[in-house]
Amino acid sequence: MSLSNELVEASSPNKIDQIYQINIDLFTQAGVHYQEWQHEPILDFDTDQRISDELGITAAPTKSLFMKLKGGGHCLLLTHRDNRLDSKLVKSLVGKRVSICSNEEMIAAIGCEPGAVCPFGLPEHVTLIIDPVLYGFNEIMYTPGKPTSTFSFAGAKLDSLLALLPNPQIQLPSSA
């Protein structure tokens, strides 16, 4: 069974709500327990750290880097917040040079706000590149499309969520 992602116009005022709902549906379908916090908008790492401290969130922070592929297409790297992009490694995995999308390109392609890119609920053509370091954390957290929400779940359950997504997926090598 696969979770279908409906492609909605990025300019739709309900796009963020739709991404958020896709995430809730994904957890329900996968039978994965998650926790949610509501807070002021988080659009940068400093605010993310401050809010996590204030709310007592102990899950490992993730980041979702949305990139364009030379010659067309997109991919998203899901990794720990403190890890850096190795563009040569990603090129070797996807077969094309990658570069970070501008805010405008990203909004047009997936509808997420800069700083609040969600790794789930993306258009089906977006390749997901998963950093296996995330599986080793008791819990990982991310923004489910709404910059005023944070979700966390067990890192060991990441594969259960990924298995329901229609997106092509690539695992980074474990040593990366």
N, C-alpha and C. Protein backbone atom coordinates (compact mmCIF):
# COMPACT_ATOMS: atom_id res chain seq x y z
N MET A 1 0.85 -1.17 0.00
CA MET A 1 0.00 0.00 0.00
C MET A 1 0.89 1.24 0.00
N SER A 2 0.53 2.21 -0.80
CA SER A 2 1.33 3.43 -0.93
C SER A 2 0.45 4.64 -0.65
N LEU A 3 1.03 5.62 0.02
CA LEU A 3 0.31 6.86 0.29
C LEU A 3 0.43 7.74 -0.93
N SER A 4 -0.68 8.08 -1.56
CA SER A 4 -0.66 8.91 -2.76
C SER A 4 -0.55 10.37 -2.38
N ASN A 5 0.35 11.06 -3.04
CA ASN A 5 0.51 12.50 -2.81
C ASN A 5 -0.21 13.24 -3.92
N GLU A 6 -1.24 13.99 -3.55
CA GLU A 6 -1.92 14.79 -4.55
C GLU A 6 -1.11 16.04 -4.80
N LEU A 7 -0.83 16.29 -6.08
CA LEU A 7 -0.08 17.49 -6.44
C LEU A 7 -1.05 18.65 -6.51
N VAL A 8 -0.87 19.60 -5.64
CA VAL A 8 -1.74 20.77 -5.54
C VAL A 8 -0.92 21.99 -5.94
N GLU A 9 -1.55 22.95 -6.57
CA GLU A 9 -0.84 24.16 -6.95
C GLU A 9 -0.15 24.76 -5.74
N ALA A 10 1.13 25.12 -5.90
CA ALA A 10 1.91 25.66 -4.78
C ALA A 10 1.30 26.95 -4.25
N SER A 11 0.60 27.68 -5.10
CA SER A 11 0.03 28.95 -4.66
C SER A 11 -1.26 28.78 -3.86
N SER A 12 -1.76 27.56 -3.78
CA SER A 12 -2.99 27.30 -3.04
C SER A 12 -2.81 27.65 -1.56
N PRO A 13 -3.77 28.43 -1.00
CA PRO A 13 -3.64 28.80 0.42
C PRO A 13 -3.71 27.60 1.35
N ASN A 14 -4.23 26.49 0.88
CA ASN A 14 -4.37 25.30 1.72
C ASN A 14 -3.23 24.31 1.56
N LYS A 15 -2.21 24.63 0.76
CA LYS A 15 -1.13 23.67 0.50
C LYS A 15 -0.44 23.22 1.78
N ILE A 16 -0.11 24.14 2.67
CA ILE A 16 0.57 23.78 3.91
C ILE A 16 -0.32 22.87 4.76
N ASP A 17 -1.63 23.18 4.83
CA ASP A 17 -2.55 22.33 5.57
C ASP A 17 -2.63 20.94 4.96
N GLN A 18 -2.57 20.86 3.63
CA GLN A 18 -2.62 19.56 2.96
C GLN A 18 -1.37 18.74 3.25
N ILE A 19 -0.21 19.38 3.23
CA ILE A 19 1.04 18.69 3.56
C ILE A 19 0.96 18.17 5.00
N TYR A 20 0.50 19.01 5.90
CA TYR A 20 0.35 18.63 7.31
C TYR A 20 -0.56 17.41 7.44
N GLN A 21 -1.70 17.43 6.76
CA GLN A 21 -2.64 16.31 6.85
C GLN A 21 -2.06 15.03 6.24
N ILE A 22 -1.31 15.15 5.15
CA ILE A 22 -0.65 13.98 4.56
C ILE A 22 0.27 13.34 5.59
N ASN A 23 0.96 14.16 6.38
CA ASN A 23 1.86 13.63 7.41
C ASN A 23 1.09 12.88 8.49
N ILE A 24 -0.01 13.43 8.95
CA ILE A 24 -0.83 12.75 9.95
C ILE A 24 -1.35 11.43 9.39
N ASP A 25 -1.83 11.46 8.15
CA ASP A 25 -2.33 10.25 7.50
C ASP A 25 -1.22 9.20 7.36
N LEU A 26 -0.02 9.64 7.07
CA LEU A 26 1.11 8.72 6.93
C LEU A 26 1.39 8.00 8.24
N PHE A 27 1.42 8.73 9.35
CA PHE A 27 1.64 8.10 10.65
C PHE A 27 0.52 7.10 10.97
N THR A 28 -0.72 7.49 10.67
CA THR A 28 -1.86 6.61 10.93
C THR A 28 -1.76 5.34 10.10
N GLN A 29 -1.50 5.49 8.80
CA GLN A 29 -1.39 4.33 7.91
C GLN A 29 -0.26 3.40 8.33
N ALA A 30 0.86 3.96 8.76
CA ALA A 30 2.03 3.16 9.14
C ALA A 30 1.90 2.60 10.55
N GLY A 31 0.95 3.10 11.32
CA GLY A 31 0.82 2.66 12.71
C GLY A 31 1.99 3.10 13.57
N VAL A 32 2.56 4.25 13.23
CA VAL A 32 3.72 4.78 13.95
C VAL A 32 3.26 5.86 14.92
N HIS A 33 3.64 5.70 16.18
CA HIS A 33 3.32 6.69 17.21
C HIS A 33 4.17 7.95 16.98
N TYR A 34 3.53 9.10 17.11
CA TYR A 34 4.27 10.36 16.99
C TYR A 34 3.79 11.31 18.08
N GLN A 35 4.61 12.31 18.32
CA GLN A 35 4.27 13.36 19.27
C GLN A 35 4.26 14.68 18.50
N GLU A 36 3.39 15.59 18.90
CA GLU A 36 3.30 16.89 18.23
C GLU A 36 3.35 18.02 19.24
N TRP A 37 4.04 19.08 18.87
CA TRP A 37 4.09 20.31 19.65
C TRP A 37 3.65 21.46 18.77
N GLN A 38 2.89 22.41 19.35
CA GLN A 38 2.49 23.65 18.69
C GLN A 38 3.33 24.77 19.30
N HIS A 39 3.77 25.71 18.48
CA HIS A 39 4.67 26.76 18.96
C HIS A 39 4.70 27.91 17.96
N GLU A 40 5.47 28.94 18.28
CA GLU A 40 5.66 30.04 17.33
C GLU A 40 6.34 29.48 16.08
N PRO A 41 6.23 30.17 14.95
CA PRO A 41 6.85 29.67 13.72
C PRO A 41 8.36 29.46 13.86
N ILE A 42 8.82 28.30 13.38
CA ILE A 42 10.25 28.00 13.34
C ILE A 42 10.67 28.02 11.88
N LEU A 43 11.54 28.98 11.54
CA LEU A 43 12.01 29.10 10.17
C LEU A 43 13.53 29.15 10.08
N ASP A 44 14.21 28.92 11.23
CA ASP A 44 15.67 28.89 11.21
C ASP A 44 16.16 28.02 12.37
N PHE A 45 17.44 27.63 12.31
CA PHE A 45 18.00 26.72 13.30
C PHE A 45 18.05 27.31 14.70
N ASP A 46 18.32 28.61 14.82
CA ASP A 46 18.39 29.24 16.15
C ASP A 46 17.05 29.18 16.86
N THR A 47 15.98 29.52 16.15
CA THR A 47 14.64 29.45 16.73
C THR A 47 14.28 28.01 17.06
N ASP A 48 14.66 27.10 16.18
CA ASP A 48 14.42 25.68 16.40
C ASP A 48 15.04 25.22 17.72
N GLN A 49 16.29 25.59 17.95
CA GLN A 49 16.98 25.19 19.17
C GLN A 49 16.33 25.82 20.40
N ARG A 50 15.99 27.10 20.31
CA ARG A 50 15.38 27.79 21.44
C ARG A 50 14.03 27.17 21.81
N ILE A 51 13.19 26.92 20.81
CA ILE A 51 11.87 26.34 21.05
C ILE A 51 12.02 24.93 21.62
N SER A 52 12.94 24.15 21.07
CA SER A 52 13.17 22.79 21.59
C SER A 52 13.55 22.84 23.06
N ASP A 53 14.43 23.76 23.41
CA ASP A 53 14.84 23.91 24.81
C ASP A 53 13.66 24.32 25.69
N GLU A 54 12.87 25.30 25.22
CA GLU A 54 11.74 25.79 26.01
C GLU A 54 10.68 24.71 26.23
N LEU A 55 10.44 23.89 25.20
CA LEU A 55 9.39 22.87 25.29
C LEU A 55 9.92 21.53 25.81
N GLY A 56 11.22 21.43 26.01
CA GLY A 56 11.80 20.18 26.49
C GLY A 56 11.82 19.08 25.45
N ILE A 57 11.87 19.44 24.19
CA ILE A 57 11.93 18.45 23.11
C ILE A 57 13.35 17.90 23.06
N THR A 58 13.48 16.59 23.19
CA THR A 58 14.80 15.97 23.21
C THR A 58 15.11 15.18 21.94
N ALA A 59 14.18 15.13 21.01
CA ALA A 59 14.40 14.39 19.76
C ALA A 59 15.52 15.05 18.96
N ALA A 60 16.23 14.23 18.19
CA ALA A 60 17.30 14.74 17.33
C ALA A 60 16.69 15.59 16.23
N PRO A 61 17.22 16.79 16.01
CA PRO A 61 16.68 17.66 14.96
C PRO A 61 17.15 17.20 13.58
N THR A 62 16.24 17.27 12.62
CA THR A 62 16.58 16.92 11.24
C THR A 62 16.55 18.18 10.38
N LYS A 63 17.11 18.03 9.18
CA LYS A 63 16.92 19.08 8.17
C LYS A 63 16.62 18.39 6.86
N SER A 64 15.82 19.07 6.07
CA SER A 64 15.42 18.60 4.76
C SER A 64 15.92 19.61 3.74
N LEU A 65 16.93 19.21 2.98
CA LEU A 65 17.51 20.09 1.96
C LEU A 65 16.87 19.77 0.62
N PHE A 66 16.13 20.74 0.08
CA PHE A 66 15.46 20.56 -1.21
C PHE A 66 16.39 21.07 -2.31
N MET A 67 16.69 20.19 -3.27
CA MET A 67 17.68 20.52 -4.30
C MET A 67 17.12 20.27 -5.69
N LYS A 68 17.70 20.98 -6.64
CA LYS A 68 17.37 20.74 -8.04
C LYS A 68 18.51 19.96 -8.67
N LEU A 69 18.15 19.14 -9.66
CA LEU A 69 19.11 18.34 -10.39
C LEU A 69 19.43 19.02 -11.70
N LYS A 70 20.70 19.02 -12.07
CA LYS A 70 21.09 19.61 -13.35
C LYS A 70 20.37 18.84 -14.46
N GLY A 71 19.74 19.57 -15.35
CA GLY A 71 19.00 18.95 -16.43
C GLY A 71 17.55 18.68 -16.09
N GLY A 72 17.14 19.01 -14.87
CA GLY A 72 15.73 18.86 -14.49
C GLY A 72 15.52 17.85 -13.38
N GLY A 73 14.51 18.09 -12.60
CA GLY A 73 14.16 17.21 -11.49
C GLY A 73 14.59 17.77 -10.16
N HIS A 74 14.14 17.10 -9.10
CA HIS A 74 14.43 17.54 -7.74
C HIS A 74 14.71 16.34 -6.85
N CYS A 75 15.41 16.62 -5.76
CA CYS A 75 15.62 15.62 -4.72
C CYS A 75 15.63 16.32 -3.37
N LEU A 76 15.47 15.54 -2.32
CA LEU A 76 15.49 16.07 -0.97
C LEU A 76 16.39 15.19 -0.12
N LEU A 77 17.32 15.81 0.58
CA LEU A 77 18.20 15.11 1.51
C LEU A 77 17.64 15.28 2.91
N LEU A 78 17.31 14.16 3.56
CA LEU A 78 16.87 14.16 4.95
C LEU A 78 18.03 13.69 5.80
N THR A 79 18.53 14.57 6.68
CA THR A 79 19.70 14.27 7.48
C THR A 79 19.58 14.94 8.85
N HIS A 80 20.57 14.75 9.69
CA HIS A 80 20.61 15.44 10.98
C HIS A 80 20.88 16.92 10.73
N ARG A 81 20.32 17.76 11.57
CA ARG A 81 20.46 19.21 11.39
C ARG A 81 21.91 19.67 11.28
N ASP A 82 22.82 19.03 11.99
CA ASP A 82 24.21 19.49 12.01
C ASP A 82 25.07 18.93 10.88
N ASN A 83 24.54 18.01 10.09
CA ASN A 83 25.32 17.43 8.99
C ASN A 83 25.33 18.36 7.79
N ARG A 84 26.42 18.29 7.04
CA ARG A 84 26.58 19.15 5.87
C ARG A 84 26.31 18.36 4.60
N LEU A 85 25.91 19.08 3.57
CA LEU A 85 25.67 18.49 2.26
C LEU A 85 27.00 18.14 1.60
N ASP A 86 27.14 16.90 1.18
CA ASP A 86 28.27 16.47 0.36
C ASP A 86 27.74 16.34 -1.06
N SER A 87 27.83 17.44 -1.83
CA SER A 87 27.22 17.46 -3.16
C SER A 87 27.87 16.45 -4.10
N LYS A 88 29.15 16.16 -3.92
CA LYS A 88 29.80 15.15 -4.77
C LYS A 88 29.24 13.77 -4.49
N LEU A 89 29.01 13.45 -3.23
CA LEU A 89 28.41 12.17 -2.88
C LEU A 89 27.00 12.07 -3.45
N VAL A 90 26.21 13.12 -3.27
CA VAL A 90 24.84 13.10 -3.78
C VAL A 90 24.85 12.95 -5.30
N LYS A 91 25.76 13.64 -5.98
CA LYS A 91 25.88 13.50 -7.44
C LYS A 91 26.18 12.06 -7.82
N SER A 92 27.06 11.41 -7.06
CA SER A 92 27.40 10.02 -7.37
C SER A 92 26.20 9.09 -7.19
N LEU A 93 25.28 9.46 -6.31
CA LEU A 93 24.11 8.63 -6.05
C LEU A 93 22.97 8.87 -7.04
N VAL A 94 22.75 10.13 -7.43
CA VAL A 94 21.63 10.45 -8.32
C VAL A 94 22.05 10.58 -9.77
N GLY A 95 23.35 10.66 -10.02
CA GLY A 95 23.84 10.71 -11.40
C GLY A 95 23.80 12.08 -12.04
N LYS A 96 23.47 13.10 -11.27
CA LYS A 96 23.42 14.47 -11.78
C LYS A 96 23.95 15.42 -10.72
N ARG A 97 24.48 16.55 -11.18
CA ARG A 97 24.92 17.57 -10.24
C ARG A 97 23.70 18.17 -9.53
N VAL A 98 23.85 18.49 -8.25
CA VAL A 98 22.75 19.07 -7.48
C VAL A 98 23.14 20.45 -6.97
N SER A 99 22.12 21.27 -6.77
CA SER A 99 22.31 22.57 -6.13
C SER A 99 21.06 22.88 -5.32
N ILE A 100 21.25 23.63 -4.24
CA ILE A 100 20.13 24.01 -3.38
C ILE A 100 19.20 24.93 -4.18
N CYS A 101 17.91 24.68 -4.11
CA CYS A 101 16.93 25.52 -4.80
C CYS A 101 16.81 26.88 -4.12
N SER A 102 16.49 27.88 -4.90
CA SER A 102 16.16 29.18 -4.31
C SER A 102 14.83 29.03 -3.58
N ASN A 103 14.55 29.96 -2.69
CA ASN A 103 13.28 29.93 -1.97
C ASN A 103 12.10 29.93 -2.93
N GLU A 104 12.18 30.74 -3.97
CA GLU A 104 11.08 30.84 -4.93
C GLU A 104 10.88 29.52 -5.68
N GLU A 105 11.98 28.89 -6.11
CA GLU A 105 11.88 27.61 -6.81
C GLU A 105 11.27 26.54 -5.91
N MET A 106 11.69 26.53 -4.65
CA MET A 106 11.20 25.54 -3.71
C MET A 106 9.70 25.72 -3.46
N ILE A 107 9.29 26.95 -3.22
CA ILE A 107 7.87 27.21 -2.97
C ILE A 107 7.04 26.78 -4.18
N ALA A 108 7.51 27.10 -5.38
CA ALA A 108 6.78 26.72 -6.59
C ALA A 108 6.72 25.20 -6.76
N ALA A 109 7.79 24.50 -6.40
CA ALA A 109 7.85 23.06 -6.62
C ALA A 109 7.11 22.24 -5.57
N ILE A 110 7.19 22.65 -4.30
CA ILE A 110 6.60 21.81 -3.24
C ILE A 110 5.67 22.55 -2.29
N GLY A 111 5.65 23.88 -2.34
CA GLY A 111 4.72 24.64 -1.51
C GLY A 111 5.13 24.86 -0.07
N CYS A 112 6.32 24.40 0.32
CA CYS A 112 6.78 24.59 1.70
C CYS A 112 7.45 25.95 1.86
N GLU A 113 7.33 26.50 3.08
CA GLU A 113 8.00 27.75 3.39
C GLU A 113 9.49 27.50 3.62
N PRO A 114 10.34 28.45 3.25
CA PRO A 114 11.76 28.32 3.56
C PRO A 114 11.95 28.13 5.07
N GLY A 115 12.77 27.15 5.43
CA GLY A 115 13.00 26.85 6.83
C GLY A 115 12.02 25.85 7.41
N ALA A 116 10.99 25.49 6.65
CA ALA A 116 9.99 24.54 7.13
C ALA A 116 9.70 23.48 6.08
N VAL A 117 10.75 22.99 5.44
CA VAL A 117 10.58 21.97 4.40
C VAL A 117 10.28 20.63 5.05
N CYS A 118 9.24 19.99 4.58
CA CYS A 118 8.79 18.72 5.12
C CYS A 118 9.31 17.56 4.27
N PRO A 119 9.83 16.50 4.88
CA PRO A 119 10.36 15.39 4.09
C PRO A 119 9.30 14.43 3.55
N PHE A 120 8.06 14.53 4.03
CA PHE A 120 7.00 13.62 3.61
C PHE A 120 5.88 14.42 2.95
N GLY A 121 5.19 13.80 2.00
CA GLY A 121 4.09 14.47 1.32
C GLY A 121 4.54 15.29 0.13
N LEU A 122 5.70 14.96 -0.40
CA LEU A 122 6.23 15.69 -1.56
C LEU A 122 5.68 15.10 -2.85
N PRO A 123 5.72 15.87 -3.94
CA PRO A 123 5.32 15.30 -5.23
C PRO A 123 6.11 14.01 -5.51
N GLU A 124 5.46 13.06 -6.16
CA GLU A 124 6.03 11.73 -6.36
C GLU A 124 7.34 11.71 -7.12
N HIS A 125 7.62 12.71 -7.94
CA HIS A 125 8.86 12.70 -8.73
C HIS A 125 10.08 13.13 -7.92
N VAL A 126 9.90 13.63 -6.72
CA VAL A 126 11.02 14.09 -5.89
C VAL A 126 11.70 12.88 -5.24
N THR A 127 12.97 12.67 -5.57
CA THR A 127 13.75 11.57 -4.98
C THR A 127 14.14 11.94 -3.56
N LEU A 128 13.93 11.01 -2.63
CA LEU A 128 14.32 11.20 -1.24
C LEU A 128 15.67 10.53 -1.00
N ILE A 129 16.60 11.28 -0.43
CA ILE A 129 17.91 10.75 -0.08
C ILE A 129 17.96 10.73 1.44
N ILE A 130 18.10 9.56 2.01
CA ILE A 130 17.98 9.38 3.45
C ILE A 130 19.35 9.11 4.06
N ASP A 131 19.67 9.87 5.09
CA ASP A 131 20.91 9.66 5.83
C ASP A 131 20.65 8.61 6.90
N PRO A 132 21.33 7.46 6.84
CA PRO A 132 21.07 6.39 7.81
C PRO A 132 21.43 6.74 9.25
N VAL A 133 22.13 7.83 9.46
CA VAL A 133 22.44 8.25 10.83
C VAL A 133 21.14 8.47 11.62
N LEU A 134 20.06 8.81 10.93
CA LEU A 134 18.79 9.09 11.61
C LEU A 134 18.19 7.87 12.30
N TYR A 135 18.47 6.67 11.76
CA TYR A 135 17.93 5.45 12.36
C TYR A 135 18.48 5.20 13.76
N GLY A 136 19.64 5.75 14.06
CA GLY A 136 20.30 5.51 15.33
C GLY A 136 19.81 6.36 16.49
N PHE A 137 18.96 7.34 16.22
CA PHE A 137 18.45 8.20 17.28
C PHE A 137 17.17 7.61 17.87
N ASN A 138 17.02 7.72 19.19
CA ASN A 138 15.78 7.25 19.82
C ASN A 138 14.58 7.93 19.18
N GLU A 139 14.68 9.24 19.01
CA GLU A 139 13.61 10.01 18.37
C GLU A 139 14.22 11.04 17.43
N ILE A 140 13.50 11.30 16.35
CA ILE A 140 13.89 12.39 15.44
C ILE A 140 12.69 13.31 15.28
N MET A 141 12.98 14.58 14.99
CA MET A 141 11.89 15.55 14.85
C MET A 141 12.02 16.30 13.53
N TYR A 142 10.89 16.80 13.06
CA TYR A 142 10.85 17.56 11.82
C TYR A 142 9.60 18.44 11.82
N THR A 143 9.55 19.35 10.86
CA THR A 143 8.40 20.23 10.68
C THR A 143 7.47 19.60 9.64
N PRO A 144 6.21 19.33 9.99
CA PRO A 144 5.27 18.69 9.07
C PRO A 144 4.57 19.69 8.14
N GLY A 145 5.34 20.57 7.54
CA GLY A 145 4.77 21.55 6.62
C GLY A 145 4.39 22.86 7.29
N LYS A 146 3.81 22.79 8.47
CA LYS A 146 3.44 24.00 9.21
C LYS A 146 4.61 24.42 10.09
N PRO A 147 5.11 25.64 9.92
CA PRO A 147 6.24 26.07 10.75
C PRO A 147 5.87 26.26 12.22
N THR A 148 4.58 26.12 12.54
CA THR A 148 4.13 26.25 13.93
C THR A 148 3.94 24.89 14.60
N SER A 149 4.35 23.82 13.93
CA SER A 149 4.23 22.47 14.48
C SER A 149 5.55 21.73 14.36
N THR A 150 5.79 20.85 15.31
CA THR A 150 6.92 19.93 15.25
C THR A 150 6.40 18.54 15.57
N PHE A 151 6.81 17.56 14.78
CA PHE A 151 6.49 16.16 15.03
C PHE A 151 7.77 15.44 15.42
N SER A 152 7.65 14.44 16.29
CA SER A 152 8.77 13.55 16.56
C SER A 152 8.26 12.11 16.56
N PHE A 153 9.17 11.20 16.23
CA PHE A 153 8.86 9.78 16.22
C PHE A 153 10.17 9.00 16.38
N ALA A 154 10.06 7.71 16.64
CA ALA A 154 11.24 6.88 16.84
C ALA A 154 12.03 6.77 15.54
N GLY A 155 13.33 7.03 15.62
CA GLY A 155 14.18 6.91 14.44
C GLY A 155 14.10 5.53 13.80
N ALA A 156 13.92 4.50 14.62
CA ALA A 156 13.82 3.13 14.12
C ALA A 156 12.58 2.91 13.27
N LYS A 157 11.60 3.80 13.35
CA LYS A 157 10.36 3.68 12.58
C LYS A 157 10.40 4.44 11.25
N LEU A 158 11.51 5.09 10.95
CA LEU A 158 11.60 5.87 9.72
C LEU A 158 11.29 5.02 8.50
N ASP A 159 11.82 3.79 8.45
CA ASP A 159 11.56 2.92 7.30
C ASP A 159 10.08 2.60 7.14
N SER A 160 9.34 2.50 8.25
CA SER A 160 7.90 2.22 8.17
C SER A 160 7.17 3.34 7.44
N LEU A 161 7.60 4.58 7.67
CA LEU A 161 7.00 5.72 6.99
C LEU A 161 7.44 5.77 5.53
N LEU A 162 8.74 5.59 5.30
CA LEU A 162 9.27 5.66 3.94
C LEU A 162 8.65 4.59 3.04
N ALA A 163 8.34 3.42 3.60
CA ALA A 163 7.79 2.32 2.81
C ALA A 163 6.44 2.67 2.19
N LEU A 164 5.73 3.62 2.76
CA LEU A 164 4.41 4.01 2.25
C LEU A 164 4.46 5.14 1.23
N LEU A 165 5.63 5.70 1.02
CA LEU A 165 5.75 6.84 0.10
C LEU A 165 6.01 6.37 -1.32
N PRO A 166 5.43 7.07 -2.30
CA PRO A 166 5.63 6.70 -3.70
C PRO A 166 6.95 7.24 -4.28
N ASN A 167 7.65 8.07 -3.54
CA ASN A 167 8.86 8.71 -4.04
C ASN A 167 10.00 7.71 -4.20
N PRO A 168 10.84 7.90 -5.26
CA PRO A 168 12.08 7.12 -5.33
C PRO A 168 12.93 7.45 -4.10
N GLN A 169 13.65 6.45 -3.60
CA GLN A 169 14.44 6.66 -2.38
C GLN A 169 15.84 6.08 -2.55
N ILE A 170 16.81 6.80 -1.98
CA ILE A 170 18.21 6.38 -2.00
C ILE A 170 18.74 6.56 -0.58
N GLN A 171 19.44 5.56 -0.09
CA GLN A 171 20.10 5.66 1.22
C GLN A 171 21.53 6.13 1.01
N LEU A 172 21.95 7.12 1.80
CA LEU A 172 23.36 7.49 1.79
C LEU A 172 24.17 6.31 2.32
N PRO A 173 25.41 6.16 1.89
CA PRO A 173 26.25 5.11 2.48
C PRO A 173 26.39 5.37 3.99
N SER A 174 26.46 4.32 4.76
CA SER A 174 26.52 4.43 6.23
C SER A 174 27.70 5.23 6.72
N SER A 175 28.80 5.23 6.00
CA SER A 175 29.99 5.95 6.45
C SER A 175 29.93 7.43 6.14
N ALA A 176 28.90 7.87 5.41
CA ALA A 176 28.81 9.29 5.00
C ALA A 176 28.43 10.16 6.16
